[in-house]
Amino acid sequence: QVQLVQSGGGSVQAGGSLRLSCAASGHIYCSDMRWYRQASGKEREFVSGIDSDERTTYATSVKGRFTISQDTAKNTVYLQMNSLEPEDTAMYYCRMICPLPHNSALATWGQGTLVTVSS
């Protein structure tokens, strides 16, 4: 049983920074973590990911501004967001992917945290 608890959302002005955290409560942390976001009226979109080898991936829209990292000792993944823009306003969700037998996987979502960026 795993639960992802998010924190760090809030409201900032354009150009500001926020740091999101996502902590796994339970006995499993699979080190394959991803961040997604969903703006009002829009589809949920991929933001960033990090795997067990600490390889990172970023959406083009956030590359150079956002940084994903993880602390496996604390079962926590972070998203450092700099140079925030109004277009970054969205509900942000973390997601953990754990491997299962027979080439399957289990995905667990965080509860989401709201990021609002004003101009």
C-alpha atoms as a PDB file:
ATOM      1  CA  GLN A   1       0.000   0.000   0.000  1.00  0.00           C
ATOM      2  CA  VAL A   2       1.483   3.310  -1.125  1.00  0.00           C
ATOM      3  CA  GLN A   3       0.194   6.846  -0.833  1.00  0.00           C
ATOM      4  CA  LEU A   4       1.809   9.891  -2.444  1.00  0.00           C
ATOM      5  CA  VAL A   5       1.474  13.093  -0.422  1.00  0.00           C
ATOM      6  CA  GLN A   6       2.228  16.360  -2.195  1.00  0.00           C
ATOM      7  CA  SER A   7       3.146  19.772  -0.819  1.00  0.00           C
ATOM      8  CA  GLY A   8       4.709  23.058  -1.901  1.00  0.00           C
ATOM      9  CA  GLY A   9       2.026  24.546  -4.120  1.00  0.00           C
ATOM     10  CA  GLY A  10       0.893  28.126  -3.835  1.00  0.00           C
ATOM     11  CA  SER A  11       0.568  31.469  -5.582  1.00  0.00           C
ATOM     12  CA  VAL A  12       3.494  33.452  -6.976  1.00  0.00           C
ATOM     13  CA  GLN A  13       4.087  36.289  -9.388  1.00  0.00           C
ATOM     14  CA  ALA A  14       5.574  35.698 -12.806  1.00  0.00           C
ATOM     15  CA  GLY A  15       9.306  35.137 -12.534  1.00  0.00           C
ATOM     16  CA  GLY A  16       9.025  33.601  -9.090  1.00  0.00           C
ATOM     17  CA  SER A  17       9.908  30.121  -7.889  1.00  0.00           C
ATOM     18  CA  LEU A  18       8.261  27.229  -6.107  1.00  0.00           C
ATOM     19  CA  ARG A  19       9.457  23.817  -5.003  1.00  0.00           C
ATOM     20  CA  LEU A  20       7.014  20.939  -5.045  1.00  0.00           C
ATOM     21  CA  SER A  21       7.503  17.804  -2.978  1.00  0.00           C
ATOM     22  CA  CYS A  22       5.951  14.369  -3.308  1.00  0.00           C
ATOM     23  CA  ALA A  23       6.574  11.865  -0.526  1.00  0.00           C
ATOM     24  CA  ALA A  24       5.656   8.198  -0.660  1.00  0.00           C
ATOM     25  CA  SER A  25       4.152   6.950   2.572  1.00  0.00           C
ATOM     26  CA  GLY A  26       4.477   3.207   2.765  1.00  0.00           C
ATOM     27  CA  HIS A  27       7.139   0.603   2.299  1.00  0.00           C
ATOM     28  CA  ILE A  28       7.617   1.007  -1.452  1.00  0.00           C
ATOM     29  CA  TYR A  29       9.479   3.689  -3.367  1.00  0.00           C
ATOM     30  CA  CYS A  30      10.270   2.611  -6.911  1.00  0.00           C
ATOM     31  CA  SER A  31      12.421   5.571  -8.033  1.00  0.00           C
ATOM     32  CA  ASP A  32      10.489   5.975 -11.281  1.00  0.00           C
ATOM     33  CA  MET A  33       8.717   9.256 -10.615  1.00  0.00           C
ATOM     34  CA  ARG A  34       6.905  11.704 -12.852  1.00  0.00           C
ATOM     35  CA  TRP A  35       5.231  15.082 -12.614  1.00  0.00           C
ATOM     36  CA  TYR A  36       2.123  16.012 -14.578  1.00  0.00           C
ATOM     37  CA  ARG A  37      -0.037  19.104 -14.630  1.00  0.00           C
ATOM     38  CA  GLN A  38      -3.543  19.941 -15.699  1.00  0.00           C
ATOM     39  CA  ALA A  39      -4.785  23.449 -16.336  1.00  0.00           C
ATOM     40  CA  SER A  40      -8.471  24.300 -16.163  1.00  0.00           C
ATOM     41  CA  GLY A  41     -10.226  23.009 -19.248  1.00  0.00           C
ATOM     42  CA  LYS A  42      -7.092  21.302 -20.560  1.00  0.00           C
ATOM     43  CA  GLU A  43      -5.821  17.752 -20.800  1.00  0.00           C
ATOM     44  CA  ARG A  44      -3.359  16.499 -18.235  1.00  0.00           C
ATOM     45  CA  GLU A  45       0.159  16.792 -19.633  1.00  0.00           C
ATOM     46  CA  PHE A  46       3.557  15.383 -18.795  1.00  0.00           C
ATOM     47  CA  VAL A  47       5.986  17.808 -17.146  1.00  0.00           C
ATOM     48  CA  SER A  48       9.047  15.869 -16.019  1.00  0.00           C
ATOM     49  CA  GLY A  49      10.279  12.430 -15.042  1.00  0.00           C
ATOM     50  CA  ILE A  50      13.166  10.714 -13.308  1.00  0.00           C
ATOM     51  CA  ASP A  51      14.027   7.017 -13.212  1.00  0.00           C
ATOM     52  CA  SER A  52      16.009   4.712 -10.948  1.00  0.00           C
ATOM     53  CA  ASP A  53      19.206   5.595 -12.808  1.00  0.00           C
ATOM     54  CA  GLU A  54      18.480   9.292 -12.207  1.00  0.00           C
ATOM     55  CA  ARG A  55      17.924   9.947 -15.886  1.00  0.00           C
ATOM     56  CA  THR A  56      15.648  12.963 -16.288  1.00  0.00           C
ATOM     57  CA  THR A  57      13.140  14.045 -18.898  1.00  0.00           C
ATOM     58  CA  TYR A  58      11.393  17.399 -19.364  1.00  0.00           C
ATOM     59  CA  ALA A  59       8.596  18.736 -21.464  1.00  0.00           C
ATOM     60  CA  THR A  60       9.786  21.332 -23.941  1.00  0.00           C
ATOM     61  CA  SER A  61       7.660  23.991 -22.262  1.00  0.00           C
ATOM     62  CA  VAL A  62       9.536  23.711 -18.948  1.00  0.00           C
ATOM     63  CA  LYS A  63      13.021  22.669 -20.021  1.00  0.00           C
ATOM     64  CA  GLY A  64      15.644  24.990 -18.595  1.00  0.00           C
ATOM     65  CA  ARG A  65      13.250  26.339 -15.952  1.00  0.00           C
ATOM     66  CA  PHE A  66      12.211  23.238 -13.979  1.00  0.00           C
ATOM     67  CA  THR A  67      14.445  20.667 -12.309  1.00  0.00           C
ATOM     68  CA  ILE A  68      13.348  17.259 -11.067  1.00  0.00           C
ATOM     69  CA  SER A  69      15.264  15.396  -8.375  1.00  0.00           C
ATOM     70  CA  GLN A  70      14.685  12.652  -5.853  1.00  0.00           C
ATOM     71  CA  ASP A  71      15.925  11.627  -2.440  1.00  0.00           C
ATOM     72  CA  THR A  72      15.460   7.878  -2.214  1.00  0.00           C
ATOM     73  CA  ALA A  73      16.439   7.875   1.467  1.00  0.00           C
ATOM     74  CA  LYS A  74      13.383  10.066   2.127  1.00  0.00           C
ATOM     75  CA  ASN A  75      11.168   8.423  -0.515  1.00  0.00           C
ATOM     76  CA  THR A  76      10.598  11.863  -1.982  1.00  0.00           C
ATOM     77  CA  VAL A  77      10.675  13.447  -5.419  1.00  0.00           C
ATOM     78  CA  TYR A  78      10.956  17.207  -5.936  1.00  0.00           C
ATOM     79  CA  LEU A  79      10.174  19.656  -8.699  1.00  0.00           C
ATOM     80  CA  GLN A  80      12.047  22.948  -8.502  1.00  0.00           C
ATOM     81  CA  MET A  81      10.211  25.501 -10.634  1.00  0.00           C
ATOM     82  CA  ASN A  82      11.989  28.728 -11.553  1.00  0.00           C
ATOM     83  CA  SER A  83      11.066  31.605 -13.845  1.00  0.00           C
ATOM     84  CA  LEU A  84       7.411  30.711 -13.498  1.00  0.00           C
ATOM     85  CA  GLU A  85       4.990  32.004 -16.093  1.00  0.00           C
ATOM     86  CA  PRO A  86       1.201  32.421 -16.009  1.00  0.00           C
ATOM     87  CA  GLU A  87       1.029  29.511 -18.455  1.00  0.00           C
ATOM     88  CA  ASP A  88       2.424  27.283 -15.694  1.00  0.00           C
ATOM     89  CA  THR A  89      -0.763  27.756 -13.665  1.00  0.00           C
ATOM     90  CA  ALA A  90      -2.230  24.290 -13.147  1.00  0.00           C
ATOM     91  CA  MET A  91      -2.888  21.495 -10.732  1.00  0.00           C
ATOM     92  CA  TYR A  92       0.346  19.521 -10.416  1.00  0.00           C
ATOM     93  CA  TYR A  93       0.353  15.784  -9.781  1.00  0.00           C
ATOM     94  CA  CYS A  94       3.166  13.379  -9.034  1.00  0.00           C
ATOM     95  CA  ARG A  95       3.047   9.775 -10.198  1.00  0.00           C
ATOM     96  CA  MET A  96       5.031   6.719  -9.172  1.00  0.00           C
ATOM     97  CA  ILE A  97       5.451   3.749 -11.501  1.00  0.00           C
ATOM     98  CA  CYS A  98       6.311   0.387  -9.954  1.00  0.00           C
ATOM     99  CA  PRO A  99       7.107  -2.742 -11.971  1.00  0.00           C
ATOM    100  CA  LEU A 100       4.941  -5.820 -11.611  1.00  0.00           C
ATOM    101  CA  PRO A 101       5.220  -9.359 -12.975  1.00  0.00           C
ATOM    102  CA  HIS A 102       4.302 -10.178 -16.572  1.00  0.00           C
ATOM    103  CA  ASN A 103       5.572  -6.892 -17.993  1.00  0.00           C
ATOM    104  CA  SER A 104       2.957  -4.882 -16.125  1.00  0.00           C
ATOM    105  CA  ALA A 105       3.221  -1.872 -13.838  1.00  0.00           C
ATOM    106  CA  LEU A 106       1.339  -0.142 -11.048  1.00  0.00           C
ATOM    107  CA  ALA A 107       0.822   3.609 -11.154  1.00  0.00           C
ATOM    108  CA  THR A 108       0.050   5.653  -8.042  1.00  0.00           C
ATOM    109  CA  TRP A 109      -1.042   9.298  -8.221  1.00  0.00           C
ATOM    110  CA  GLY A 110      -0.579  12.049  -5.672  1.00  0.00           C
ATOM    111  CA  GLN A 111      -3.563  14.120  -4.607  1.00  0.00           C
ATOM    112  CA  GLY A 112      -2.434  17.159  -6.567  1.00  0.00           C
ATOM    113  CA  THR A 113      -1.316  20.623  -5.501  1.00  0.00           C
ATOM    114  CA  LEU A 114      -2.359  23.911  -7.091  1.00  0.00           C
ATOM    115  CA  VAL A 115       0.198  26.294  -8.570  1.00  0.00           C
ATOM    116  CA  THR A 116      -1.038  29.756  -9.529  1.00  0.00           C
ATOM    117  CA  VAL A 117       1.221  32.236 -11.323  1.00  0.00           C
ATOM    118  CA  SER A 118      -0.004  35.801 -11.744  1.00  0.00           C
ATOM    119  CA  SER A 119       1.269  38.324 -14.259  1.00  0.00           C
END
